[in-house]
Every structure is written in C-alpha cells, then in structure tokens.
PDB file of N, CA and C in Angstrom:
ATOM      1  N   MET A   1      79.963 109.836 151.931  1.00  0.00           N
ATOM      2  CA  MET A   1      79.795 108.374 152.136  1.00  0.00           C
ATOM      3  C   MET A   1      81.168 107.704 152.187  1.00  0.00           C
ATOM      4  N   ARG A   2      81.442 106.912 153.208  1.00  0.00           N
ATOM      5  CA  ARG A   2      82.701 106.246 153.308  1.00  0.00           C
ATOM      6  C   ARG A   2      82.469 104.709 153.137  1.00  0.00           C
ATOM      7  N   ILE A   3      83.284 104.076 152.295  1.00  0.00           N
ATOM      8  CA  ILE A   3      83.260 102.635 152.142  1.00  0.00           C
ATOM      9  C   ILE A   3      84.707 102.132 152.150  1.00  0.00           C
ATOM     10  N   ALA A   4      85.032 101.159 153.047  1.00  0.00           N
ATOM     11  CA  ALA A   4      86.339 100.575 153.132  1.00  0.00           C
ATOM     12  C   ALA A   4      87.429 101.639 153.376  1.00  0.00           C
ATOM     13  N   GLY A   5      87.033 102.679 154.206  1.00  0.00           N
ATOM     14  CA  GLY A   5      87.976 103.656 154.558  1.00  0.00           C
ATOM     15  C   GLY A   5      88.211 104.745 153.498  1.00  0.00           C
ATOM     16  N   ILE A   6      87.427 104.723 152.395  1.00  0.00           N
ATOM     17  CA  ILE A   6      87.636 105.645 151.384  1.00  0.00           C
ATOM     18  C   ILE A   6      86.352 106.500 151.249  1.00  0.00           C
ATOM     19  N   THR A   7      86.552 107.833 151.173  1.00  0.00           N
ATOM     20  CA  THR A   7      85.363 108.765 150.950  1.00  0.00           C
ATOM     21  C   THR A   7      85.027 108.769 149.521  1.00  0.00           C
ATOM     22  N   LEU A   8      83.795 108.366 149.158  1.00  0.00           N
ATOM     23  CA  LEU A   8      83.408 108.403 147.789  1.00  0.00           C
ATOM     24  C   LEU A   8      82.954 109.769 147.372  1.00  0.00           C
ATOM     25  N   PRO A   9      83.293 110.204 146.138  1.00  0.00           N
ATOM     26  CA  PRO A   9      82.917 111.578 145.681  1.00  0.00           C
ATOM     27  C   PRO A   9      81.354 111.684 145.700  1.00  0.00           C
ATOM     28  N   GLU A  10      80.859 112.782 146.303  1.00  0.00           N
ATOM     29  CA  GLU A  10      79.384 112.886 146.463  1.00  0.00           C
ATOM     30  C   GLU A  10      78.631 113.198 145.144  1.00  0.00           C
ATOM     31  N   ASN A  11      79.220 113.961 144.295  1.00  0.00           N
ATOM     32  CA  ASN A  11      78.521 114.440 143.082  1.00  0.00           C
ATOM     33  C   ASN A  11      78.747 113.631 141.856  1.00  0.00           C
ATOM     34  N   LYS A  12      79.436 112.503 141.992  1.00  0.00           N
ATOM     35  CA  LYS A  12      79.638 111.650 140.768  1.00  0.00           C
ATOM     36  C   LYS A  12      78.633 110.535 140.783  1.00  0.00           C
ATOM     37  N   ARG A  13      78.333 109.994 139.587  1.00  0.00           N
ATOM     38  CA  ARG A  13      77.521 108.859 139.449  1.00  0.00           C
ATOM     39  C   ARG A  13      78.114 107.692 140.201  1.00  0.00           C
ATOM     40  N   MET A  14      77.386 106.803 140.763  1.00  0.00           N
ATOM     41  CA  MET A  14      77.877 105.746 141.611  1.00  0.00           C
ATOM     42  C   MET A  14      78.783 104.794 140.771  1.00  0.00           C
ATOM     43  N   GLU A  15      78.496 104.646 139.522  1.00  0.00           N
ATOM     44  CA  GLU A  15      79.304 103.803 138.676  1.00  0.00           C
ATOM     45  C   GLU A  15      80.777 104.306 138.661  1.00  0.00           C
ATOM     46  N   ILE A  16      80.934 105.634 138.635  1.00  0.00           N
ATOM     47  CA  ILE A  16      82.278 106.288 138.598  1.00  0.00           C
ATOM     48  C   ILE A  16      82.791 106.424 140.036  1.00  0.00           C
ATOM     49  N   ALA A  17      81.921 106.770 140.939  1.00  0.00           N
ATOM     50  CA  ALA A  17      82.414 106.988 142.338  1.00  0.00           C
ATOM     51  C   ALA A  17      82.998 105.800 142.955  1.00  0.00           C
ATOM     52  N   LEU A  18      82.508 104.592 142.653  1.00  0.00           N
ATOM     53  CA  LEU A  18      83.020 103.349 143.231  1.00  0.00           C
ATOM     54  C   LEU A  18      84.412 103.067 142.751  1.00  0.00           C
ATOM     55  N   THR A  19      84.845 103.622 141.618  1.00  0.00           N
ATOM     56  CA  THR A  19      86.217 103.358 141.060  1.00  0.00           C
ATOM     57  C   THR A  19      87.271 104.130 141.875  1.00  0.00           C
ATOM     58  N   ALA A  20      86.851 104.940 142.835  1.00  0.00           N
ATOM     59  CA  ALA A  20      87.798 105.627 143.711  1.00  0.00           C
ATOM     60  C   ALA A  20      88.439 104.642 144.658  1.00  0.00           C
ATOM     61  N   ILE A  21      87.792 103.455 144.791  1.00  0.00           N
ATOM     62  CA  ILE A  21      88.358 102.428 145.695  1.00  0.00           C
ATOM     63  C   ILE A  21      89.308 101.563 144.865  1.00  0.00           C
ATOM     64  N   TYR A  22      90.553 101.378 145.412  1.00  0.00           N
ATOM     65  CA  TYR A  22      91.550 100.583 144.770  1.00  0.00           C
ATOM     66  C   TYR A  22      91.078  99.160 144.639  1.00  0.00           C
ATOM     67  N   GLY A  23      90.997  98.630 143.424  1.00  0.00           N
ATOM     68  CA  GLY A  23      90.562  97.263 143.227  1.00  0.00           C
ATOM     69  C   GLY A  23      89.184  97.175 142.593  1.00  0.00           C
ATOM     70  N   ILE A  24      88.536  98.323 142.428  1.00  0.00           N
ATOM     71  CA  ILE A  24      87.227  98.367 141.805  1.00  0.00           C
ATOM     72  C   ILE A  24      87.366  99.263 140.545  1.00  0.00           C
ATOM     73  N   GLY A  25      87.152  98.692 139.388  1.00  0.00           N
ATOM     74  CA  GLY A  25      87.132  99.410 138.144  1.00  0.00           C
ATOM     75  C   GLY A  25      85.719  99.578 137.671  1.00  0.00           C
ATOM     76  N   ARG A  26      85.540  99.985 136.419  1.00  0.00           N
ATOM     77  CA  ARG A  26      84.216 100.213 135.890  1.00  0.00           C
ATOM     78  C   ARG A  26      83.324  99.022 135.819  1.00  0.00           C
ATOM     79  N   SER A  27      83.867  97.884 135.347  1.00  0.00           N
ATOM     80  CA  SER A  27      83.035  96.741 135.144  1.00  0.00           C
ATOM     81  C   SER A  27      82.658  96.118 136.537  1.00  0.00           C
ATOM     82  N   ARG A  28      83.612  96.128 137.494  1.00  0.00           N
ATOM     83  CA  ARG A  28      83.238  95.572 138.832  1.00  0.00           C
ATOM     84  C   ARG A  28      82.217  96.531 139.550  1.00  0.00           C
ATOM     85  N   ALA A  29      82.377  97.802 139.309  1.00  0.00           N
ATOM     86  CA  ALA A  29      81.419  98.769 139.880  1.00  0.00           C
ATOM     87  C   ALA A  29      80.008  98.521 139.314  1.00  0.00           C
ATOM     88  N   GLN A  30      79.946  98.319 138.027  1.00  0.00           N
ATOM     89  CA  GLN A  30      78.645  98.007 137.381  1.00  0.00           C
ATOM     90  C   GLN A  30      78.089  96.738 137.947  1.00  0.00           C
ATOM     91  N   TYR A  31      78.842  95.743 138.052  1.00  0.00           N
ATOM     92  CA  TYR A  31      78.444  94.428 138.653  1.00  0.00           C
ATOM     93  C   TYR A  31      77.882  94.632 140.089  1.00  0.00           C
ATOM     94  N   ILE A  32      78.618  95.412 140.908  1.00  0.00           N
ATOM     95  CA  ILE A  32      78.211  95.629 142.342  1.00  0.00           C
ATOM     96  C   ILE A  32      76.851  96.317 142.329  1.00  0.00           C
ATOM     97  N   LEU A  33      76.742  97.365 141.521  1.00  0.00           N
ATOM     98  CA  LEU A  33      75.473  98.178 141.480  1.00  0.00           C
ATOM     99  C   LEU A  33      74.348  97.255 140.935  1.00  0.00           C
ATOM    100  N   TYR A  34      74.555  96.400 140.010  1.00  0.00           N
ATOM    101  CA  TYR A  34      73.552  95.490 139.487  1.00  0.00           C
ATOM    102  C   TYR A  34      73.075  94.538 140.561  1.00  0.00           C
ATOM    103  N   LYS A  35      74.015  93.956 141.317  1.00  0.00           N
ATOM    104  CA  LYS A  35      73.654  93.063 142.380  1.00  0.00           C
ATOM    105  C   LYS A  35      72.915  93.778 143.552  1.00  0.00           C
ATOM    106  N   ALA A  36      73.229  95.042 143.787  1.00  0.00           N
ATOM    107  CA  ALA A  36      72.588  95.784 144.866  1.00  0.00           C
ATOM    108  C   ALA A  36      71.282  96.401 144.413  1.00  0.00           C
ATOM    109  N   LYS A  37      70.984  96.302 143.104  1.00  0.00           N
ATOM    110  CA  LYS A  37      69.794  96.834 142.504  1.00  0.00           C
ATOM    111  C   LYS A  37      69.722  98.348 142.625  1.00  0.00           C
ATOM    112  N   ILE A  38      70.880  98.984 142.395  1.00  0.00           N
ATOM    113  CA  ILE A  38      70.982 100.441 142.444  1.00  0.00           C
ATOM    114  C   ILE A  38      71.256 100.944 141.013  1.00  0.00           C
ATOM    115  N   ASP A  39      70.616 102.033 140.650  1.00  0.00           N
ATOM    116  CA  ASP A  39      70.760 102.611 139.300  1.00  0.00           C
ATOM    117  C   ASP A  39      72.197 103.177 139.196  1.00  0.00           C
ATOM    118  N   ASN A  40      72.872 102.870 138.038  1.00  0.00           N
ATOM    119  CA  ASN A  40      74.238 103.400 137.808  1.00  0.00           C
ATOM    120  C   ASN A  40      74.306 104.896 137.872  1.00  0.00           C
ATOM    121  N   GLY A  41      73.285 105.596 137.460  1.00  0.00           N
ATOM    122  CA  GLY A  41      73.354 107.049 137.346  1.00  0.00           C
ATOM    123  C   GLY A  41      73.065 107.762 138.722  1.00  0.00           C
ATOM    124  N   LYS A  42      72.659 107.011 139.696  1.00  0.00           N
ATOM    125  CA  LYS A  42      72.382 107.607 140.982  1.00  0.00           C
ATOM    126  C   LYS A  42      73.621 108.144 141.625  1.00  0.00           C
ATOM    127  N   LYS A  43      73.533 109.316 142.297  1.00  0.00           N
ATOM    128  CA  LYS A  43      74.713 109.949 142.892  1.00  0.00           C
ATOM    129  C   LYS A  43      74.922 109.392 144.352  1.00  0.00           C
ATOM    130  N   ALA A  44      76.090 109.499 144.864  1.00  0.00           N
ATOM    131  CA  ALA A  44      76.376 108.919 146.194  1.00  0.00           C
ATOM    132  C   ALA A  44      75.574 109.590 147.282  1.00  0.00           C
ATOM    133  N   LYS A  45      75.292 110.882 147.146  1.00  0.00           N
ATOM    134  CA  LYS A  45      74.546 111.602 148.166  1.00  0.00           C
ATOM    135  C   LYS A  45      73.054 111.237 148.198  1.00  0.00           C
ATOM    136  N   GLU A  46      72.629 110.571 147.119  1.00  0.00           N
ATOM    137  CA  GLU A  46      71.123 110.272 146.938  1.00  0.00           C
ATOM    138  C   GLU A  46      70.821 108.863 147.549  1.00  0.00           C
ATOM    139  N   LEU A  47      71.875 108.103 147.946  1.00  0.00           N
ATOM    140  CA  LEU A  47      71.682 106.753 148.378  1.00  0.00           C
ATOM    141  C   LEU A  47      70.968 106.728 149.729  1.00  0.00           C
ATOM    142  N   SER A  48      70.088 105.753 149.960  1.00  0.00           N
ATOM    143  CA  SER A  48      69.501 105.570 151.309  1.00  0.00           C
ATOM    144  C   SER A  48      70.405 104.768 152.171  1.00  0.00           C
ATOM    145  N   PRO A  49      70.244 104.825 153.489  1.00  0.00           N
ATOM    146  CA  PRO A  49      71.137 103.979 154.368  1.00  0.00           C
ATOM    147  C   PRO A  49      71.076 102.541 154.071  1.00  0.00           C
ATOM    148  N   ALA A  50      69.941 101.966 153.646  1.00  0.00           N
ATOM    149  CA  ALA A  50      69.828 100.570 153.323  1.00  0.00           C
ATOM    150  C   ALA A  50      70.612 100.217 152.096  1.00  0.00           C
ATOM    151  N   GLU A  51      70.653 101.108 151.135  1.00  0.00           N
ATOM    152  CA  GLU A  51      71.439 100.884 149.889  1.00  0.00           C
ATOM    153  C   GLU A  51      72.939 100.998 150.243  1.00  0.00           C
ATOM    154  N   GLU A  52      73.310 101.917 151.076  1.00  0.00           N
ATOM    155  CA  GLU A  52      74.723 102.007 151.492  1.00  0.00           C
ATOM    156  C   GLU A  52      75.199 100.715 152.189  1.00  0.00           C
ATOM    157  N   ASN A  53      74.376 100.146 153.037  1.00  0.00           N
ATOM    158  CA  ASN A  53      74.720  98.918 153.761  1.00  0.00           C
ATOM    159  C   ASN A  53      74.860  97.761 152.754  1.00  0.00           C
ATOM    160  N   GLU A  54      73.895  97.726 151.764  1.00  0.00           N
ATOM    161  CA  GLU A  54      73.999  96.660 150.769  1.00  0.00           C
ATOM    162  C   GLU A  54      75.288  96.749 149.934  1.00  0.00           C
ATOM    163  N   LEU A  55      75.640  98.021 149.603  1.00  0.00           N
ATOM    164  CA  LEU A  55      76.949  98.228 148.866  1.00  0.00           C
ATOM    165  C   LEU A  55      78.173  97.764 149.705  1.00  0.00           C
ATOM    166  N   ARG A  56      78.154  98.144 150.987  1.00  0.00           N
ATOM    167  CA  ARG A  56      79.291  97.704 151.899  1.00  0.00           C
ATOM    168  C   ARG A  56      79.393  96.237 151.941  1.00  0.00           C
ATOM    169  N   LYS A  57      78.253  95.577 152.007  1.00  0.00           N
ATOM    170  CA  LYS A  57      78.225  94.082 152.127  1.00  0.00           C
ATOM    171  C   LYS A  57      78.809  93.444 150.912  1.00  0.00           C
ATOM    172  N   LEU A  58      78.398  93.944 149.723  1.00  0.00           N
ATOM    173  CA  LEU A  58      78.892  93.420 148.448  1.00  0.00           C
ATOM    174  C   LEU A  58      80.386  93.748 148.240  1.00  0.00           C
ATOM    175  N   ILE A  59      80.764  94.915 148.616  1.00  0.00           N
ATOM    176  CA  ILE A  59      82.150  95.279 148.386  1.00  0.00           C
ATOM    177  C   ILE A  59      83.126  94.471 149.308  1.00  0.00           C
ATOM    178  N   ASP A  60      82.644  94.201 150.528  1.00  0.00           N
ATOM    179  CA  ASP A  60      83.493  93.418 151.457  1.00  0.00           C
ATOM    180  C   ASP A  60      83.786  91.967 150.950  1.00  0.00           C
ATOM    181  N   ALA A  61      83.061  91.500 149.947  1.00  0.00           N
ATOM    182  CA  ALA A  61      83.336  90.186 149.400  1.00  0.00           C
ATOM    183  C   ALA A  61      84.604  90.166 148.542  1.00  0.00           C
ATOM    184  N   PHE A  62      85.017  91.362 148.072  1.00  0.00           N
ATOM    185  CA  PHE A  62      86.162  91.468 147.190  1.00  0.00           C
ATOM    186  C   PHE A  62      87.392  91.840 147.950  1.00  0.00           C
ATOM    187  N   LYS A  63      88.543  91.531 147.456  1.00  0.00           N
ATOM    188  CA  LYS A  63      89.858  91.944 148.021  1.00  0.00           C
ATOM    189  C   LYS A  63      90.114  93.363 147.440  1.00  0.00           C
ATOM    190  N   ILE A  64      90.142  94.351 148.322  1.00  0.00           N
ATOM    191  CA  ILE A  64      90.334  95.732 147.879  1.00  0.00           C
ATOM    192  C   ILE A  64      91.323  96.457 148.777  1.00  0.00           C
ATOM    193  N   GLU A  65      91.730  97.634 148.349  1.00  0.00           N
ATOM    194  CA  GLU A  65      92.619  98.517 149.113  1.00  0.00           C
ATOM    195  C   GLU A  65      93.834  97.889 149.693  1.00  0.00           C
ATOM    196  N   GLY A  66      94.012  97.929 151.012  1.00  0.00           N
ATOM    197  CA  GLY A  66      95.281  97.420 151.604  1.00  0.00           C
ATOM    198  C   GLY A  66      95.542  95.925 151.382  1.00  0.00           C
ATOM    199  N   ASP A  67      94.537  95.123 151.469  1.00  0.00           N
ATOM    200  CA  ASP A  67      94.705  93.632 151.227  1.00  0.00           C
ATOM    201  C   ASP A  67      95.271  93.371 149.805  1.00  0.00           C
ATOM    202  N   LEU A  68      94.606  94.025 148.808  1.00  0.00           N
ATOM    203  CA  LEU A  68      94.969  93.834 147.418  1.00  0.00           C
ATOM    204  C   LEU A  68      96.422  94.360 147.164  1.00  0.00           C
ATOM    205  N   LYS A  69      96.746  95.544 147.728  1.00  0.00           N
ATOM    206  CA  LYS A  69      98.073  96.112 147.554  1.00  0.00           C
ATOM    207  C   LYS A  69      99.112  95.230 148.166  1.00  0.00           C
ATOM    208  N   ARG A  70      98.824  94.630 149.313  1.00  0.00           N
ATOM    209  CA  ARG A  70      99.735  93.668 150.001  1.00  0.00           C
ATOM    210  C   ARG A  70      99.962  92.428 149.092  1.00  0.00           C
ATOM    211  N   ILE A  71      98.872  91.950 148.489  1.00  0.00           N
ATOM    212  CA  ILE A  71      99.023  90.743 147.625  1.00  0.00           C
ATOM    213  C   ILE A  71      99.869  91.053 146.445  1.00  0.00           C
ATOM    214  N   VAL A  72      99.621  92.215 145.799  1.00  0.00           N
ATOM    215  CA  VAL A  72     100.370  92.577 144.613  1.00  0.00           C
ATOM    216  C   VAL A  72     101.868  92.810 144.926  1.00  0.00           C
ATOM    217  N   ALA A  73     102.142  93.490 146.070  1.00  0.00           N
ATOM    218  CA  ALA A  73     103.545  93.704 146.500  1.00  0.00           C
ATOM    219  C   ALA A  73     104.200  92.359 146.775  1.00  0.00           C
ATOM    220  N   GLY A  74     103.436  91.423 147.412  1.00  0.00           N
ATOM    221  CA  GLY A  74     103.966  90.033 147.648  1.00  0.00           C
ATOM    222  C   GLY A  74     104.351  89.338 146.337  1.00  0.00           C
ATOM    223  N   ASN A  75     103.438  89.440 145.386  1.00  0.00           N
ATOM    224  CA  ASN A  75     103.720  88.806 144.077  1.00  0.00           C
ATOM    225  C   ASN A  75     105.023  89.344 143.475  1.00  0.00           C
ATOM    226  N   ILE A  76     105.165  90.651 143.442  1.00  0.00           N
ATOM    227  CA  ILE A  76     106.383  91.272 142.874  1.00  0.00           C
ATOM    228  C   ILE A  76     107.578  90.873 143.661  1.00  0.00           C
ATOM    229  N   LYS A  77     107.471  90.793 144.986  1.00  0.00           N
ATOM    230  CA  LYS A  77     108.648  90.411 145.872  1.00  0.00           C
ATOM    231  C   LYS A  77     109.031  88.947 145.531  1.00  0.00           C
ATOM    232  N   ARG A  78     108.021  88.090 145.345  1.00  0.00           N
ATOM    233  CA  ARG A  78     108.296  86.684 145.008  1.00  0.00           C
ATOM    234  C   ARG A  78     109.051  86.592 143.674  1.00  0.00           C
ATOM    235  N   LEU A  79     108.649  87.367 142.700  1.00  0.00           N
ATOM    236  CA  LEU A  79     109.335  87.379 141.382  1.00  0.00           C
ATOM    237  C   LEU A  79     110.791  87.824 141.530  1.00  0.00           C
ATOM    238  N   LYS A  80     111.026  88.833 142.439  1.00  0.00           N
ATOM    239  CA  LYS A  80     112.417  89.304 142.605  1.00  0.00           C
ATOM    240  C   LYS A  80     113.181  88.220 143.383  1.00  0.00           C
ATOM    241  N   ASP A  81     112.570  87.567 144.343  1.00  0.00           N
ATOM    242  CA  ASP A  81     113.326  86.610 145.168  1.00  0.00           C
ATOM    243  C   ASP A  81     113.810  85.406 144.315  1.00  0.00           C
ATOM    244  N   ILE A  82     112.913  84.999 143.358  1.00  0.00           N
ATOM    245  CA  ILE A  82     113.330  83.836 142.561  1.00  0.00           C
ATOM    246  C   ILE A  82     114.099  84.239 141.327  1.00  0.00           C
ATOM    247  N   LYS A  83     114.477  85.488 141.263  1.00  0.00           N
ATOM    248  CA  LYS A  83     115.281  86.046 140.252  1.00  0.00           C
ATOM    249  C   LYS A  83     114.781  85.823 138.830  1.00  0.00           C
ATOM    250  N   THR A  84     113.476  86.016 138.620  1.00  0.00           N
ATOM    251  CA  THR A  84     112.941  85.917 137.272  1.00  0.00           C
ATOM    252  C   THR A  84     113.292  87.169 136.478  1.00  0.00           C
ATOM    253  N   TYR A  85     113.107  87.084 135.201  1.00  0.00           N
ATOM    254  CA  TYR A  85     113.348  88.213 134.324  1.00  0.00           C
ATOM    255  C   TYR A  85     112.363  89.366 134.695  1.00  0.00           C
ATOM    256  N   ARG A  86     111.088  89.043 134.837  1.00  0.00           N
ATOM    257  CA  ARG A  86     110.074  90.021 135.283  1.00  0.00           C
ATOM    258  C   ARG A  86     110.481  90.678 136.568  1.00  0.00           C
ATOM    259  N   GLY A  87     110.968  89.891 137.517  1.00  0.00           N
ATOM    260  CA  GLY A  87     111.385  90.417 138.848  1.00  0.00           C
ATOM    261  C   GLY A  87     112.513  91.390 138.660  1.00  0.00           C
ATOM    262  N   SER A  88     113.494  91.098 137.789  1.00  0.00           N
ATOM    263  CA  SER A  88     114.599  91.981 137.603  1.00  0.00           C
ATOM    264  C   SER A  88     114.178  93.331 136.903  1.00  0.00           C
ATOM    265  N   ARG A  89     113.194  93.208 136.075  1.00  0.00           N
ATOM    266  CA  ARG A  89     112.606  94.453 135.440  1.00  0.00           C
ATOM    267  C   ARG A  89     111.937  95.306 136.489  1.00  0.00           C
ATOM    268  N   HIS A  90     111.191  94.673 137.453  1.00  0.00           N
ATOM    269  CA  HIS A  90     110.592  95.426 138.465  1.00  0.00           C
ATOM    270  C   HIS A  90     111.616  96.103 139.401  1.00  0.00           C
ATOM    271  N   ALA A  91     112.650  95.391 139.657  1.00  0.00           N
ATOM    272  CA  ALA A  91     113.765  95.879 140.555  1.00  0.00           C
ATOM    273  C   ALA A  91     114.396  97.087 139.892  1.00  0.00           C
ATOM    274  N   ARG A  92     114.613  97.086 138.583  1.00  0.00           N
ATOM    275  CA  ARG A  92     115.214  98.193 137.910  1.00  0.00           C
ATOM    276  C   ARG A  92     114.322  99.333 137.523  1.00  0.00           C
ATOM    277  N   GLY A  93     112.985  99.131 137.744  1.00  0.00           N
ATOM    278  CA  GLY A  93     112.077 100.160 137.399  1.00  0.00           C
ATOM    279  C   GLY A  93     111.785 100.289 135.941  1.00  0.00           C
ATOM    280  N   LEU A  94     111.853  99.163 135.194  1.00  0.00           N
ATOM    281  CA  LEU A  94     111.691  99.260 133.714  1.00  0.00           C
ATOM    282  C   LEU A  94     110.394  98.460 133.434  1.00  0.00           C
ATOM    283  N   PRO A  95     109.852  98.657 132.183  1.00  0.00           N
ATOM    284  CA  PRO A  95     108.634  97.896 131.793  1.00  0.00           C
ATOM    285  C   PRO A  95     108.886  96.403 131.880  1.00  0.00           C
ATOM    286  N   SER A  96     107.893  95.640 132.389  1.00  0.00           N
ATOM    287  CA  SER A  96     108.124  94.226 132.581  1.00  0.00           C
ATOM    288  C   SER A  96     107.278  93.397 131.599  1.00  0.00           C
ATOM    289  N   ARG A  97     106.592  93.964 130.643  1.00  0.00           N
ATOM    290  CA  ARG A  97     105.787  93.232 129.786  1.00  0.00           C
ATOM    291  C   ARG A  97     106.221  93.307 128.290  1.00  0.00           C
ATOM    292  N   GLY A  98     107.469  93.491 128.091  1.00  0.00           N
ATOM    293  CA  GLY A  98     108.042  93.395 126.706  1.00  0.00           C
ATOM    294  C   GLY A  98     107.973  94.666 125.896  1.00  0.00           C
ATOM    295  N   GLN A  99     107.602  95.799 126.470  1.00  0.00           N
ATOM    296  CA  GLN A  99     107.559  97.010 125.700  1.00  0.00           C
ATOM    297  C   GLN A  99     109.005  97.522 125.355  1.00  0.00           C
ATOM    298  N   ARG A 100     109.111  98.257 124.345  1.00  0.00           N
ATOM    299  CA  ARG A 100     110.399  98.817 123.954  1.00  0.00           C
ATOM    300  C   ARG A 100     110.801  99.877 124.921  1.00  0.00           C
ATOM    301  N   THR A 101     112.184 100.103 125.051  1.00  0.00           N
ATOM    302  CA  THR A 101     112.576 101.146 125.954  1.00  0.00           C
ATOM    303  C   THR A 101     113.534 102.134 125.332  1.00  0.00           C
ATOM    304  N   LYS A 102     113.858 101.923 124.027  1.00  0.00           N
ATOM    305  CA  LYS A 102     114.727 102.884 123.372  1.00  0.00           C
ATOM    306  C   LYS A 102     113.993 104.200 123.252  1.00  0.00           C
ATOM    307  N   THR A 103     112.724 104.129 122.869  1.00  0.00           N
ATOM    308  CA  THR A 103     111.887 105.275 122.914  1.00  0.00           C
ATOM    309  C   THR A 103     110.683 104.920 123.862  1.00  0.00           C
ATOM    310  N   ASN A 104     109.962 105.856 124.271  1.00  0.00           N
ATOM    311  CA  ASN A 104     108.775 105.587 125.134  1.00  0.00           C
ATOM    312  C   ASN A 104     109.246 105.157 126.561  1.00  0.00           C
ATOM    313  N   SER A 105     108.384 104.613 127.308  1.00  0.00           N
ATOM    314  CA  SER A 105     108.581 104.217 128.689  1.00  0.00           C
ATOM    315  C   SER A 105     109.096 105.306 129.557  1.00  0.00           C
ATOM    316  N   ARG A 106     108.776 106.580 129.240  1.00  0.00           N
ATOM    317  CA  ARG A 106     109.256 107.761 129.991  1.00  0.00           C
ATOM    318  C   ARG A 106     108.680 107.730 131.370  1.00  0.00           C
ATOM    319  N   THR A 107     107.407 107.391 131.571  1.00  0.00           N
ATOM    320  CA  THR A 107     106.864 107.450 132.908  1.00  0.00           C
ATOM    321  C   THR A 107     107.449 106.394 133.800  1.00  0.00           C
ATOM    322  N   ARG A 108     107.800 105.269 133.228  1.00  0.00           N
ATOM    323  CA  ARG A 108     108.324 104.151 134.042  1.00  0.00           C
ATOM    324  C   ARG A 108     109.813 104.453 134.431  1.00  0.00           C
ATOM    325  N   ARG A 109     110.531 105.025 133.515  1.00  0.00           N
ATOM    326  CA  ARG A 109     111.980 105.310 133.778  1.00  0.00           C
ATOM    327  C   ARG A 109     112.160 106.621 134.580  1.00  0.00           C
ATOM    328  N   GLY A 110     111.197 107.519 134.377  1.00  0.00           N
ATOM    329  CA  GLY A 110     111.340 108.812 135.101  1.00  0.00           C
ATOM    330  C   GLY A 110     112.406 109.694 134.561  1.00  0.00           C
ATOM    331  N   ASN A 111     112.819 109.515 133.309  1.00  0.00           N
ATOM    332  CA  ASN A 111     113.863 110.335 132.655  1.00  0.00           C
ATOM    333  C   ASN A 111     113.296 111.621 132.206  1.00  0.00           C
ATOM    334  N   VAL A 112     114.195 112.612 132.220  1.00  0.00           N
ATOM    335  CA  VAL A 112     113.842 113.911 131.612  1.00  0.00           C
ATOM    336  C   VAL A 112     114.211 113.730 130.163  1.00  0.00           C
ATOM    337  N   ARG A 113     113.404 114.366 129.323  1.00  0.00           N
ATOM    338  CA  ARG A 113     113.622 114.229 127.849  1.00  0.00           C
ATOM    339  C   ARG A 113     114.964 114.788 127.534  1.00  0.00           C
ATOM    340  N   LYS A 114     115.805 113.969 126.765  1.00  0.00           N
ATOM    341  CA  LYS A 114     117.121 114.426 126.386  1.00  0.00           C
ATOM    342  C   LYS A 114     117.083 114.937 124.982  1.00  0.00           C
ATOM    343  N   THR A 115     117.865 115.930 124.716  1.00  0.00           N
ATOM    344  CA  THR A 115     117.907 116.562 123.294  1.00  0.00           C
ATOM    345  C   THR A 115     118.719 115.594 122.438  1.00  0.00           C
ATOM    346  N   MET A 116     118.234 115.353 121.235  1.00  0.00           N
ATOM    347  CA  MET A 116     118.960 114.549 120.284  1.00  0.00           C
ATOM    348  C   MET A 116     119.747 115.500 119.337  1.00  0.00           C
ATOM    349  N   GLY A 117     120.827 115.030 118.831  1.00  0.00           N
ATOM    350  CA  GLY A 117     121.665 115.841 117.933  1.00  0.00           C
ATOM    351  C   GLY A 117     122.588 116.716 118.693  1.00  0.00           C
ATOM    352  N   THR A 118     122.844 117.945 118.145  1.00  0.00           N
ATOM    353  CA  THR A 118     123.791 118.842 118.779  1.00  0.00           C
ATOM    354  C   THR A 118     123.101 119.656 119.881  1.00  0.00           C
ATOM    355  N   GLY A 119     121.804 119.872 119.769  1.00  0.00           N
ATOM    356  CA  GLY A 119     121.121 120.623 120.787  1.00  0.00           C
ATOM    357  C   GLY A 119     121.185 122.172 120.515  1.00  0.00           C
ATOM    358  N   ARG A 120     121.808 122.507 119.334  1.00  0.00           N
ATOM    359  CA  ARG A 120     121.927 123.893 118.937  1.00  0.00           C
ATOM    360  C   ARG A 120     120.808 124.230 117.981  1.00  0.00           C
ATOM    361  N   ARG A 121     120.422 125.536 118.005  1.00  0.00           N
ATOM    362  CA  ARG A 121     119.447 125.997 117.087  1.00  0.00           C
ATOM    363  C   ARG A 121     120.071 126.270 115.701  1.00  0.00           C
ATOM    364  N   LYS A 122     119.260 126.116 114.649  1.00  0.00           N
ATOM    365  CA  LYS A 122     119.764 126.378 113.346  1.00  0.00           C
ATOM    366  C   LYS A 122     119.906 127.872 113.175  1.00  0.00           C
ATOM    367  N   LEU A 123     120.983 128.278 112.466  1.00  0.00           N
ATOM    368  CA  LEU A 123     121.253 129.655 112.205  1.00  0.00           C
ATOM    369  C   LEU A 123     120.386 130.132 111.128  1.00  0.00           C
ATOM    370  N   ASP A 124     119.835 131.377 111.287  1.00  0.00           N
ATOM    371  CA  ASP A 124     118.978 131.957 110.249  1.00  0.00           C
ATOM    372  C   ASP A 124     119.888 132.545 109.164  1.00  0.00           C
ATOM    373  N   LYS A 125     119.609 132.176 107.915  1.00  0.00           N
ATOM    374  CA  LYS A 125     120.388 132.705 106.773  1.00  0.00           C
ATOM    375  C   LYS A 125     119.664 133.992 106.277  1.00  0.00           C
ATOM    376  N   LYS A 126     120.501 135.105 106.210  1.00  0.00           N
ATOM    377  CA  LYS A 126     119.896 136.391 105.772  1.00  0.00           C
ATOM    378  C   LYS A 126     120.407 136.771 104.450  1.00  0.00           C
TER     379      LYS A 126
END
C-alpha cells in the first residue's frame, strides 16, 4: 500500500506503519486512524480500498514528506541568514538546544571516540 509516495510496511500494525511517513508520529497516526474509524491493530494488507482512500484523504490534510522537509530546511536557512546563535550552531553541525558538548553529542559532531590519558595499557606486575 502506497500513501504520499511511501510504501507502508505490509505486516505491521497501521498505528506503526503510518509512522514510516515523514511527519507522522505515533500520536498523529492514532488520531488519523481514529478519524478514519480504523482499528489501530489492523495490518496494512487487511485494509479495504474504501479504508485506504479514507486514510489518503485524511493524510493529505497534513504537511508531510517533501513539503515538510522544505519548510524545516527553510526555517534553518532563515536562522543562518539572520545570523542567530541557533543558526550558527546548525551551520557548524553542533547541538542547537543547549546541550553540553564536552562529552556526548557524538552523533551530532560525528567524531570518532578519542582515547583519554596516555593511550597505553597498564603493565602487568609479576
């Protein structure tokens, strides 16, 4: 089943399968299924064509996928253009919400873990 250009996983519950779409998390997926009167536990392959159409109609009401990514990228570009602190953090690839960087933030910085101290093993005393 394809919605908004994304193929939904067939064997997952609809509540989880809808989260494959960028811009739809668990709570929004639950809301969409509630509005469409579809059981959360129903699998994607079990849906009738009428239910699929109802889902498509409800999902089209939200900004998802390419539109949402464009909006987010535009917001970050605006922050960089007006030279805000948050914009400079985005430009440098560092955390922008006040987290510490002396330790942690490994995924954001992309650093390989560096050895502290001498980097030598302790000698065994015999």
